Every structure is written in structure tokens, then in C-alpha cells.
Amino acid sequence: MINISYLLSTRAGARGIIEKYGLQTKKKLGQHFLVDGFVLGKIISAANVGKDDLILEVGPGIGSMTEALAANAKHVVAVELDKTLVPVLREIFADKPVTVHHGDILKIDLPEIFAEFKSSNKIKVVANLPYYITTPVIFYLLESGLPFESITVMVQKEVAMRMAAKPGTKDFGSLTLAVQYMADVELVANVPVNCFMPRPAVDSAVVILKLLDKPRVDADKEKLFKVIHAVFGKRRKTLLNALDSAGFSGESGKNGLSELLEKEGFNPQSRGETFDLETFAKLTDILMRNPL
């Protein structure tokens, strides 16, 4: 009999569970099970999981992370899309503080799921996200309205670098600003392919998003990101040319837009990839107050 209490985050334990239940990893669901206890420990530590915490885990797989979360948190709510894994997880964690739901995290009613935990004022997300739905899941969680304290996720390294990027770097872009609009972002650890079974094609990284009490800047969100997407949609263009291409010149034309930017202290020949969120908020305010 497999001692699942200690082996779920090892290759032997993962193979044992897979063989015992006749499981097969599904490439289309992005299934890569973490089999490195050291990395798992870093994730739990980074998320600062404590006995008062309610945890949402997205895509628990065979439960290697679920096991560690259940040992350190008050309760774990796991949402698994693969219906063949749901009964396995429920059997493995039958005597643990774990509730397993079958469903698509992008469609499931999270407020309803968490309604029974009203007494808890701390909800943390900890997950090993499938690469193909990383960005949609993160934004769904950020905009869910649930009182999340933090979101600690293992994602494709390239995506993690983009989320944690600084202005002026090659990774900095609209994804960076969209995430940092709502959270402080910290890159916790790099995770090589040999930490998973089966191995993914690229390395991963762990990133933690600590949600802000309110958006980082006081700006009309829709208009702010219209400007941001306009600038990064034409990344190689100057600020003037990018805004002109997106239609911000109006009836005054490109010359009028250039004059406005200069009057407000912006170099028309600068590039938006050097602007932080506060600068984009200022630029948005200027463009909205001065229709051309």
C-alpha cells in the first residue's frame, strides 16, 4: 500500500498513484505533475500558508501540492477539470481538510463554492497552472471579487518574467501593467523541467501576486488600458506614432498630438515601454482631458 502522506511529491509516489488508479496524463489539459519536494516547500513558504488560511488550488492533478497545502492550511478547495482525477483526489484526501470540485475554473461559480466559508477572512490561491490557460485564469481570479489575499502560482517562466518585469526591460508590456494594476508581483523561484512528470517543453517559475486594497492608480480602467494596448500594440514605434496609429490624433492630426505631448512634458519620440503605470495613468488623463 502506498504511503501517500509522504510520496505524492516524489517520482515514485506519483508513479504509484498513476499505476494504482490506472491514470494517464493528458497533454491537452497541460498536465505536468510536480515531483520535487524542495520546490514544493518553496511554494508553500512563499505563499505563507498558515493554519487560518483557506486555500483555492486550481488544477490539483494527482494531489502533490494538495497534500502539502492540507497539512499547513485550515482548508483546501481544489478545482479539477479532469473528471477522471476527481474521484481519485476525493479518495486520497477523504480524511483531510480538502474539498474537491469538478469543473472549469473559468466557468465555475467561485462565490457559491466559498459561501460556506464566510467565517474565514483569508483566502489564498496556490496552484500549478496549465500553461495554455495561465493568463485567463489569473485575470479571472484578480477580477472575481473574492477576498483573495495573494495568488501564488507556478507558470511558464516566460510569463512569470513578464508579470514581474520592470519598465525598460524586454519583458515589460501590457501583461505586466495589467497584473501590477491590481497586485504587487514577486518572482519567487525558477523551476526546471526535470521537476515535473512528464517533463514540459520549457522551464517554469513561481510568482506571487499580493493583491492591493485598491487599484494602483486612480484612473478610468477601460481608458487606461486602451492607451496601454495602443502603445504596446506598436511596441517598436515612438509614443507619437503608436498613439497616432491608434487614432488618438483626432481632427488635430499628428502635429496637434505632438504639440499636446510636448506641452504636457512627454517626449513624442520616447517609447512607452519605459513608462511605469503611474506615467500611463498621467498620459491617459491628458489624452482624455484634451480631445484632439
Protein backbone atom coordinates (compact mmCIF):
# COMPACT_ATOMS: atom_id res chain seq x y z
CA MET A 1 0.00 0.00 0.00
CA ILE A 2 1.39 3.41 -1.00
CA ASN A 3 2.10 5.85 1.79
CA ILE A 4 0.52 8.85 0.07
CA SER A 5 1.25 11.02 3.08
CA TYR A 6 4.90 11.27 2.02
CA LEU A 7 5.30 10.15 -1.56
CA LEU A 8 2.96 12.31 -3.63
CA SER A 9 5.67 14.85 -4.43
CA THR A 10 8.22 12.20 -5.46
CA ARG A 11 8.57 10.35 -8.74
CA ALA A 12 7.97 7.02 -7.02
CA GLY A 13 4.85 8.31 -5.33
CA ALA A 14 3.49 9.89 -8.49
CA ARG A 15 4.07 6.70 -10.47
CA GLY A 16 2.44 4.71 -7.70
CA ILE A 17 -0.73 6.80 -7.78
CA ILE A 18 -0.84 6.74 -11.58
CA GLU A 19 -0.46 2.94 -11.63
CA LYS A 20 -2.84 2.29 -8.75
CA TYR A 21 -5.69 4.23 -10.37
CA GLY A 22 -4.79 3.49 -13.99
CA LEU A 23 -4.29 7.15 -14.83
CA GLN A 24 -2.82 8.73 -17.94
CA THR A 25 -1.54 12.29 -18.21
CA LYS A 26 -3.50 14.38 -20.70
CA LYS A 27 -1.37 16.65 -22.85
CA LYS A 28 -4.38 18.69 -23.99
CA LEU A 29 -5.03 19.65 -20.35
CA GLY A 30 -1.42 20.65 -19.80
CA GLN A 31 -0.87 18.02 -17.10
CA HIS A 32 2.65 18.06 -15.68
CA PHE A 33 2.78 16.84 -12.09
CA LEU A 34 5.28 18.42 -9.70
CA VAL A 35 7.63 15.76 -8.26
CA ASP A 36 10.13 17.87 -6.37
CA GLY A 37 9.64 18.29 -2.63
CA PHE A 38 12.16 21.13 -2.37
CA VAL A 39 10.29 23.24 -4.92
CA LEU A 40 7.01 22.37 -3.27
CA GLY A 41 8.38 23.61 0.04
CA LYS A 42 9.43 26.90 -1.55
CA ILE A 43 5.91 27.38 -2.91
CA ILE A 44 4.24 26.75 0.45
CA SER A 45 6.74 29.06 2.13
CA ALA A 46 6.32 31.83 -0.45
CA ALA A 47 2.55 31.67 -0.11
CA ASN A 48 2.98 31.90 3.67
CA VAL A 49 0.31 29.25 4.16
CA GLY A 50 -0.93 29.16 7.76
CA LYS A 51 -3.46 27.32 9.89
CA ASP A 52 -6.05 30.10 9.50
CA ASP A 53 -5.87 30.14 5.71
CA LEU A 54 -8.47 28.97 3.26
CA ILE A 55 -6.75 27.87 0.04
CA LEU A 56 -8.02 27.71 -3.51
CA GLU A 57 -5.99 25.28 -5.62
CA VAL A 58 -6.54 25.26 -9.37
CA GLY A 59 -5.71 22.01 -11.14
CA PRO A 60 -4.54 19.78 -8.26
CA GLY A 61 -3.65 16.92 -10.60
CA ILE A 62 -2.75 13.87 -8.50
CA GLY A 63 -2.53 15.94 -5.34
CA SER A 64 1.16 16.53 -4.64
CA MET A 65 0.62 20.19 -3.82
CA THR A 66 -2.79 19.50 -2.28
CA GLU A 67 -1.17 17.24 0.28
CA ALA A 68 1.28 19.93 1.42
CA LEU A 69 -1.41 22.60 1.48
CA ALA A 70 -3.77 20.44 3.54
CA ALA A 71 -1.02 19.83 6.09
CA ASN A 72 -0.45 23.54 6.60
CA ALA A 73 -3.77 25.32 5.95
CA LYS A 74 -7.21 25.40 7.52
CA HIS A 75 -8.95 24.05 4.42
CA VAL A 76 -8.18 23.47 0.74
CA VAL A 77 -10.76 23.94 -2.01
CA ALA A 78 -9.45 22.23 -5.14
CA VAL A 79 -10.99 22.72 -8.59
CA GLU A 80 -10.06 20.00 -11.10
CA LEU A 81 -11.14 19.92 -14.75
CA ASP A 82 -10.16 16.29 -15.42
CA LYS A 83 -13.17 14.26 -14.29
CA THR A 84 -11.08 11.08 -14.01
CA LEU A 85 -8.93 12.67 -11.30
CA VAL A 86 -11.80 13.96 -9.15
CA PRO A 87 -12.76 10.61 -7.53
CA VAL A 88 -9.08 9.80 -7.06
CA LEU A 89 -8.46 13.06 -5.22
CA ARG A 90 -11.58 12.60 -3.11
CA GLU A 91 -10.43 9.13 -2.08
CA ILE A 92 -6.86 10.21 -1.33
CA PHE A 93 -7.95 13.16 0.79
CA ALA A 94 -11.10 11.70 2.30
CA ASP A 95 -9.84 12.28 5.85
CA LYS A 96 -8.12 15.61 5.15
CA PRO A 97 -9.45 19.21 5.17
CA VAL A 98 -9.87 19.14 1.39
CA THR A 99 -12.94 19.72 -0.79
CA VAL A 100 -12.62 18.72 -4.44
CA HIS A 101 -14.85 20.26 -7.09
CA HIS A 102 -15.07 19.13 -10.70
CA GLY A 103 -15.24 21.98 -13.19
CA ASP A 104 -13.61 24.62 -15.34
CA ILE A 105 -12.12 27.34 -13.13
CA LEU A 106 -13.15 29.93 -15.73
CA LYS A 107 -16.79 28.88 -15.54
CA ILE A 108 -17.31 27.58 -12.02
CA ASP A 109 -19.19 29.75 -9.50
CA LEU A 110 -16.42 30.55 -7.01
CA PRO A 111 -18.56 32.80 -4.75
CA GLU A 112 -21.03 29.94 -4.33
CA ILE A 113 -18.26 27.45 -3.58
CA PHE A 114 -16.76 29.70 -0.91
CA ALA A 115 -20.11 30.76 0.59
CA GLU A 116 -19.84 28.14 3.36
CA PHE A 117 -16.52 29.59 4.50
CA LYS A 118 -17.82 33.05 5.40
CA SER A 119 -16.07 32.95 8.76
CA SER A 120 -12.67 32.97 7.08
CA ASN A 121 -11.30 36.36 6.10
CA LYS A 122 -8.20 34.98 4.39
CA ILE A 123 -8.27 33.27 1.01
CA LYS A 124 -5.08 32.45 -0.81
CA VAL A 125 -4.66 30.92 -4.23
CA VAL A 126 -1.86 28.39 -4.66
CA ALA A 127 -1.63 26.49 -7.92
CA ASN A 128 0.45 24.88 -10.63
CA LEU A 129 -1.37 26.38 -13.62
CA PRO A 130 -1.52 24.69 -17.03
CA TYR A 131 0.40 26.87 -19.49
CA TYR A 132 -2.43 27.15 -22.00
CA ILE A 133 -4.82 28.93 -19.60
CA THR A 134 -2.41 30.81 -17.34
CA THR A 135 -3.30 34.37 -18.30
CA PRO A 136 -7.11 33.90 -18.46
CA VAL A 137 -7.11 32.19 -15.06
CA ILE A 138 -5.01 34.88 -13.38
CA PHE A 139 -7.23 37.68 -14.65
CA TYR A 140 -10.38 35.76 -13.78
CA LEU A 141 -9.13 35.40 -10.21
CA LEU A 142 -7.99 39.02 -9.98
CA GLU A 143 -11.42 40.21 -11.11
CA SER A 144 -13.54 37.60 -9.29
CA GLY A 145 -14.44 39.92 -6.41
CA LEU A 146 -13.44 37.30 -3.85
CA PRO A 147 -11.29 38.47 -0.93
CA PHE A 148 -8.04 36.95 -2.13
CA GLU A 149 -5.01 37.96 -0.12
CA SER A 150 -2.49 36.54 -2.56
CA ILE A 151 -2.15 34.39 -5.66
CA THR A 152 0.93 32.14 -5.73
CA VAL A 153 1.23 30.25 -8.99
CA MET A 154 3.71 28.19 -10.94
CA VAL A 155 3.58 29.23 -14.58
CA GLN A 156 5.69 29.19 -17.71
CA LYS A 157 8.92 31.04 -16.91
CA GLU A 158 8.44 33.50 -19.77
CA VAL A 159 5.03 34.53 -18.41
CA ALA A 160 6.36 34.91 -14.87
CA MET A 161 9.16 37.15 -16.14
CA ARG A 162 6.65 39.32 -17.96
CA MET A 163 4.42 39.69 -14.91
CA ALA A 164 7.32 40.73 -12.67
CA ALA A 165 9.12 42.90 -15.26
CA LYS A 166 10.35 46.45 -14.71
CA PRO A 167 9.90 49.38 -17.15
CA GLY A 168 12.51 49.50 -19.87
CA THR A 169 13.18 45.75 -19.94
CA LYS A 170 12.38 43.42 -22.83
CA ASP A 171 9.77 41.53 -20.78
CA PHE A 172 7.85 44.66 -19.77
CA GLY A 173 4.50 45.04 -21.54
CA SER A 174 0.73 45.21 -21.29
CA LEU A 175 0.56 41.96 -19.27
CA THR A 176 2.97 43.45 -16.72
CA LEU A 177 0.84 46.56 -16.31
CA ALA A 178 -2.44 44.65 -16.19
CA VAL A 179 -1.21 42.46 -13.32
CA GLN A 180 0.60 45.23 -11.46
CA TYR A 181 -2.52 47.40 -11.71
CA MET A 182 -4.06 45.12 -9.08
CA ALA A 183 -1.13 43.50 -7.27
CA ASP A 184 2.47 43.63 -6.15
CA VAL A 185 4.38 40.95 -8.06
CA GLU A 186 7.39 38.99 -6.90
CA LEU A 187 9.32 36.29 -8.74
CA VAL A 188 9.97 33.56 -6.16
CA ALA A 189 11.87 30.76 -7.90
CA ASN A 190 12.77 29.23 -11.23
CA VAL A 191 11.69 25.62 -11.72
CA PRO A 192 13.48 23.48 -14.35
CA VAL A 193 11.70 20.88 -16.46
CA ASN A 194 13.16 17.94 -14.51
CA CYS A 195 10.95 18.83 -11.54
CA PHE A 196 7.87 17.55 -13.36
CA MET A 197 6.46 14.29 -14.62
CA PRO A 198 6.10 14.20 -17.55
CA ARG A 199 8.59 16.93 -18.39
CA PRO A 200 7.18 20.07 -20.04
CA ALA A 201 8.95 21.62 -23.03
CA VAL A 202 10.04 24.77 -21.18
CA ASP A 203 11.07 25.82 -17.68
CA SER A 204 8.59 27.19 -15.16
CA ALA A 205 8.76 29.77 -12.41
CA VAL A 206 6.85 30.56 -9.23
CA VAL A 207 5.41 34.04 -8.89
CA ILE A 208 3.38 35.55 -6.07
CA LEU A 209 0.80 38.29 -6.57
CA LYS A 210 -0.09 40.18 -3.39
CA LEU A 211 -3.38 41.90 -4.06
CA LEU A 212 -3.75 45.60 -3.36
CA ASP A 213 -6.69 47.01 -1.41
CA LYS A 214 -7.47 49.17 -4.43
CA PRO A 215 -6.02 49.59 -7.94
CA ARG A 216 -2.51 51.02 -8.00
CA VAL A 217 -3.57 54.13 -9.88
CA ASP A 218 -6.74 56.24 -9.79
CA ALA A 219 -7.76 56.13 -13.43
CA ASP A 220 -10.58 55.00 -15.68
CA LYS A 221 -9.54 51.39 -16.20
CA GLU A 222 -11.05 50.98 -19.66
CA LYS A 223 -9.44 54.16 -20.98
CA LEU A 224 -6.13 53.44 -19.24
CA PHE A 225 -5.75 50.08 -20.90
CA LYS A 226 -6.92 51.42 -24.23
CA VAL A 227 -3.87 53.69 -24.13
CA ILE A 228 -1.59 50.91 -22.85
CA HIS A 229 -2.69 48.47 -25.56
CA ALA A 230 -2.29 51.19 -28.19
CA VAL A 231 1.31 51.81 -27.13
CA PHE A 232 2.35 48.16 -26.80
CA GLY A 233 0.42 47.12 -29.89
CA LYS A 234 3.03 49.13 -31.78
CA ARG A 235 5.94 48.42 -29.48
CA ARG A 236 8.69 49.43 -31.89
CA LYS A 237 7.06 52.73 -32.71
CA THR A 238 7.62 56.00 -30.88
CA LEU A 239 4.95 57.19 -28.47
CA LEU A 240 3.69 59.69 -31.05
CA ASN A 241 3.46 57.17 -33.88
CA ALA A 242 1.86 54.48 -31.70
CA LEU A 243 -0.85 56.84 -30.42
CA ASP A 244 -1.39 58.26 -33.90
CA SER A 245 -1.82 54.74 -35.35
CA ALA A 246 -4.42 54.01 -32.67
CA GLY A 247 -6.47 57.08 -33.58
CA PHE A 248 -5.58 59.38 -30.71
CA SER A 249 -4.62 62.24 -33.07
CA GLY A 250 -8.22 63.13 -33.81
CA GLU A 251 -9.03 66.08 -36.01
CA SER A 252 -5.87 67.93 -34.96
CA GLY A 253 -3.75 65.31 -36.62
CA LYS A 254 -0.31 64.07 -35.75
CA ASN A 255 1.13 67.56 -35.34
CA GLY A 256 -1.57 68.50 -32.86
CA LEU A 257 -0.92 65.33 -30.85
CA SER A 258 2.83 66.01 -30.85
CA GLU A 259 2.27 69.55 -29.55
CA LEU A 260 -0.02 68.29 -26.79
CA LEU A 261 2.51 65.68 -25.66
CA GLU A 262 5.33 68.20 -25.60
CA LYS A 263 3.22 70.76 -23.71
CA GLU A 264 2.43 68.14 -21.05
CA GLY A 265 6.04 67.08 -20.61
CA PHE A 266 6.10 63.94 -22.79
CA ASN A 267 8.73 63.42 -25.44
CA PRO A 268 6.82 62.39 -28.58
CA GLN A 269 9.85 60.34 -29.67
CA SER A 270 10.03 58.33 -26.43
CA ARG A 271 8.80 54.76 -26.21
CA GLY A 272 6.03 53.56 -23.94
CA GLU A 273 7.99 50.53 -22.78
CA THR A 274 9.90 52.90 -20.48
CA PHE A 275 6.72 54.15 -18.72
CA ASP A 276 5.51 52.81 -15.40
CA LEU A 277 1.81 52.51 -14.57
CA GLU A 278 1.66 55.94 -12.95
CA THR A 279 3.07 57.53 -16.12
CA PHE A 280 0.49 55.73 -18.24
CA ALA A 281 -2.25 56.97 -15.90
CA LYS A 282 -0.98 60.55 -16.34
CA LEU A 283 -0.84 60.13 -20.12
CA THR A 284 -4.38 58.73 -20.18
CA ASP A 285 -5.67 61.67 -18.16
CA ILE A 286 -4.03 64.13 -20.55
CA LEU A 287 -5.49 62.43 -23.64
CA MET A 288 -8.96 62.25 -22.13
CA ARG A 289 -8.94 65.89 -20.97
CA ASN A 290 -7.68 67.18 -24.28
CA PRO A 291 -9.61 65.57 -27.12
CA LEU A 292 -7.95 66.47 -30.41
